[in-house]
């Protein structure tokens, strides 16, 4: 299976609901949903997971309002993202 790779500046969509797992500074875990499935975002950085360097992590800023403003960067696994609009809906 080919490895999914996104570059800084790529537009992506949440392939599934992105939930707060408690690892996002400044966001209470009870707030839960960070980006519903289908939310558009932009890749702002990428690297590997600190706990498992075999896993890629992408920092994505998702749109968080009707004006298209971007929220705080969120760490996402490749399988949580898509560039295919129908899959994101």
C-alpha atoms as a PDB file:
ATOM      1  CA  UNK A   1       0.000   0.000   0.000  1.00  0.00           C
ATOM      2  CA  UNK A   2       1.348   3.421  -0.991  1.00  0.00           C
ATOM      3  CA  UNK A   3       2.103   5.818   1.853  1.00  0.00           C
ATOM      4  CA  UNK A   4      -0.129   8.903   1.945  1.00  0.00           C
ATOM      5  CA  UNK A   5       1.946  12.073   1.887  1.00  0.00           C
ATOM      6  CA  UNK A   6       0.770  15.668   2.191  1.00  0.00           C
ATOM      7  CA  UNK A   7       2.911  18.750   1.752  1.00  0.00           C
ATOM      8  CA  UNK A   8       2.764  22.082   3.579  1.00  0.00           C
ATOM      9  CA  UNK A   9       0.037  24.168   1.954  1.00  0.00           C
ATOM     10  CA  UNK A  10      -2.010  21.186   0.718  1.00  0.00           C
ATOM     11  CA  UNK A  11      -5.767  21.502   1.176  1.00  0.00           C
ATOM     12  CA  UNK A  12      -7.207  18.481   2.980  1.00  0.00           C
ATOM     13  CA  UNK A  13     -10.514  17.421   4.528  1.00  0.00           C
ATOM     14  CA  UNK A  14     -11.230  15.573   7.747  1.00  0.00           C
ATOM     15  CA  UNK A  15     -11.996  12.015   6.597  1.00  0.00           C
ATOM     16  CA  UNK A  16     -13.659  11.376   9.958  1.00  0.00           C
ATOM     17  CA  UNK A  17     -14.598  13.422  13.009  1.00  0.00           C
ATOM     18  CA  UNK A  18     -11.396  14.783  14.574  1.00  0.00           C
ATOM     19  CA  UNK A  19     -11.764  14.489  18.340  1.00  0.00           C
ATOM     20  CA  UNK A  20      -9.672  15.935  21.146  1.00  0.00           C
ATOM     21  CA  UNK A  21      -7.745  13.090  22.756  1.00  0.00           C
ATOM     22  CA  UNK A  22      -6.498  15.391  25.514  1.00  0.00           C
ATOM     23  CA  UNK A  23      -3.249  16.162  23.724  1.00  0.00           C
ATOM     24  CA  UNK A  24      -4.191  19.593  22.414  1.00  0.00           C
ATOM     25  CA  UNK A  25      -2.910  22.435  24.603  1.00  0.00           C
ATOM     26  CA  UNK A  26      -5.480  25.069  25.505  1.00  0.00           C
ATOM     27  CA  UNK A  27      -8.457  22.899  24.551  1.00  0.00           C
ATOM     28  CA  UNK A  28     -10.422  21.128  27.260  1.00  0.00           C
ATOM     29  CA  UNK A  29     -10.852  17.395  26.626  1.00  0.00           C
ATOM     30  CA  UNK A  30     -14.581  17.775  27.327  1.00  0.00           C
ATOM     31  CA  UNK A  31     -14.880  19.990  24.229  1.00  0.00           C
ATOM     32  CA  UNK A  32     -14.533  16.773  22.240  1.00  0.00           C
ATOM     33  CA  UNK A  33     -15.138  17.532  18.569  1.00  0.00           C
ATOM     34  CA  UNK A  34     -12.405  19.640  16.956  1.00  0.00           C
ATOM     35  CA  UNK A  35     -13.411  19.210  13.297  1.00  0.00           C
ATOM     36  CA  UNK A  36     -16.410  17.288  11.962  1.00  0.00           C
ATOM     37  CA  UNK A  37     -15.880  14.927   9.037  1.00  0.00           C
ATOM     38  CA  UNK A  38     -15.697  16.917   5.793  1.00  0.00           C
ATOM     39  CA  UNK A  39     -14.205  20.055   7.362  1.00  0.00           C
ATOM     40  CA  UNK A  40     -11.679  21.722   5.068  1.00  0.00           C
ATOM     41  CA  UNK A  41      -8.197  22.503   6.330  1.00  0.00           C
ATOM     42  CA  UNK A  42      -4.637  23.231   5.286  1.00  0.00           C
ATOM     43  CA  UNK A  43      -1.456  21.325   6.172  1.00  0.00           C
ATOM     44  CA  UNK A  44       0.885  23.698   8.021  1.00  0.00           C
ATOM     45  CA  UNK A  45       3.607  21.254   9.118  1.00  0.00           C
ATOM     46  CA  UNK A  46       4.406  17.555   9.222  1.00  0.00           C
ATOM     47  CA  UNK A  47       6.656  15.181  11.077  1.00  0.00           C
ATOM     48  CA  UNK A  48       6.554  11.893  12.954  1.00  0.00           C
ATOM     49  CA  UNK A  49       4.789  10.838  16.139  1.00  0.00           C
ATOM     50  CA  UNK A  50       6.956  11.275  19.222  1.00  0.00           C
ATOM     51  CA  UNK A  51       5.873   7.930  20.696  1.00  0.00           C
ATOM     52  CA  UNK A  52       6.146   5.979  17.410  1.00  0.00           C
ATOM     53  CA  UNK A  53       8.455   7.446  14.789  1.00  0.00           C
ATOM     54  CA  UNK A  54       7.055   5.072  12.170  1.00  0.00           C
ATOM     55  CA  UNK A  55       3.809   7.102  12.165  1.00  0.00           C
ATOM     56  CA  UNK A  56       3.502  10.347  10.213  1.00  0.00           C
ATOM     57  CA  UNK A  57       1.700  13.267  11.833  1.00  0.00           C
ATOM     58  CA  UNK A  58       0.329  16.253   9.926  1.00  0.00           C
ATOM     59  CA  UNK A  59      -0.432  19.567  11.620  1.00  0.00           C
ATOM     60  CA  UNK A  60      -3.627  20.872  10.051  1.00  0.00           C
ATOM     61  CA  UNK A  61      -5.490  24.113  10.613  1.00  0.00           C
ATOM     62  CA  UNK A  62      -9.183  23.435   9.989  1.00  0.00           C
ATOM     63  CA  UNK A  63     -11.769  26.068   9.111  1.00  0.00           C
ATOM     64  CA  UNK A  64     -13.778  26.818  12.219  1.00  0.00           C
ATOM     65  CA  UNK A  65     -16.410  29.314  11.235  1.00  0.00           C
ATOM     66  CA  UNK A  66     -18.578  30.590   8.403  1.00  0.00           C
ATOM     67  CA  UNK A  67     -15.968  33.257   7.593  1.00  0.00           C
ATOM     68  CA  UNK A  68     -13.380  30.562   6.776  1.00  0.00           C
ATOM     69  CA  UNK A  69     -11.072  31.499   9.642  1.00  0.00           C
ATOM     70  CA  UNK A  70      -8.591  28.811  10.630  1.00  0.00           C
ATOM     71  CA  UNK A  71      -8.377  27.236  14.063  1.00  0.00           C
ATOM     72  CA  UNK A  72      -5.328  26.148  16.013  1.00  0.00           C
ATOM     73  CA  UNK A  73      -3.076  23.497  14.409  1.00  0.00           C
ATOM     74  CA  UNK A  74      -4.226  19.955  15.146  1.00  0.00           C
ATOM     75  CA  UNK A  75      -2.079  16.816  14.848  1.00  0.00           C
ATOM     76  CA  UNK A  76      -3.681  14.284  12.493  1.00  0.00           C
ATOM     77  CA  UNK A  77      -2.724  10.825  11.282  1.00  0.00           C
ATOM     78  CA  UNK A  78      -2.761  10.321   7.499  1.00  0.00           C
ATOM     79  CA  UNK A  79      -5.839   8.085   7.672  1.00  0.00           C
ATOM     80  CA  UNK A  80      -7.785  10.918   9.351  1.00  0.00           C
ATOM     81  CA  UNK A  81      -7.293  13.109   6.264  1.00  0.00           C
ATOM     82  CA  UNK A  82      -8.352  13.001   2.631  1.00  0.00           C
ATOM     83  CA  UNK A  83      -8.134  15.202  -0.435  1.00  0.00           C
ATOM     84  CA  UNK A  84     -11.162  13.484  -1.965  1.00  0.00           C
ATOM     85  CA  UNK A  85     -14.180  15.747  -1.407  1.00  0.00           C
ATOM     86  CA  UNK A  86     -16.851  13.002  -1.807  1.00  0.00           C
ATOM     87  CA  UNK A  87     -15.145  10.846   0.836  1.00  0.00           C
ATOM     88  CA  UNK A  88     -14.971  13.798   3.203  1.00  0.00           C
ATOM     89  CA  UNK A  89     -18.691  14.546   3.006  1.00  0.00           C
END
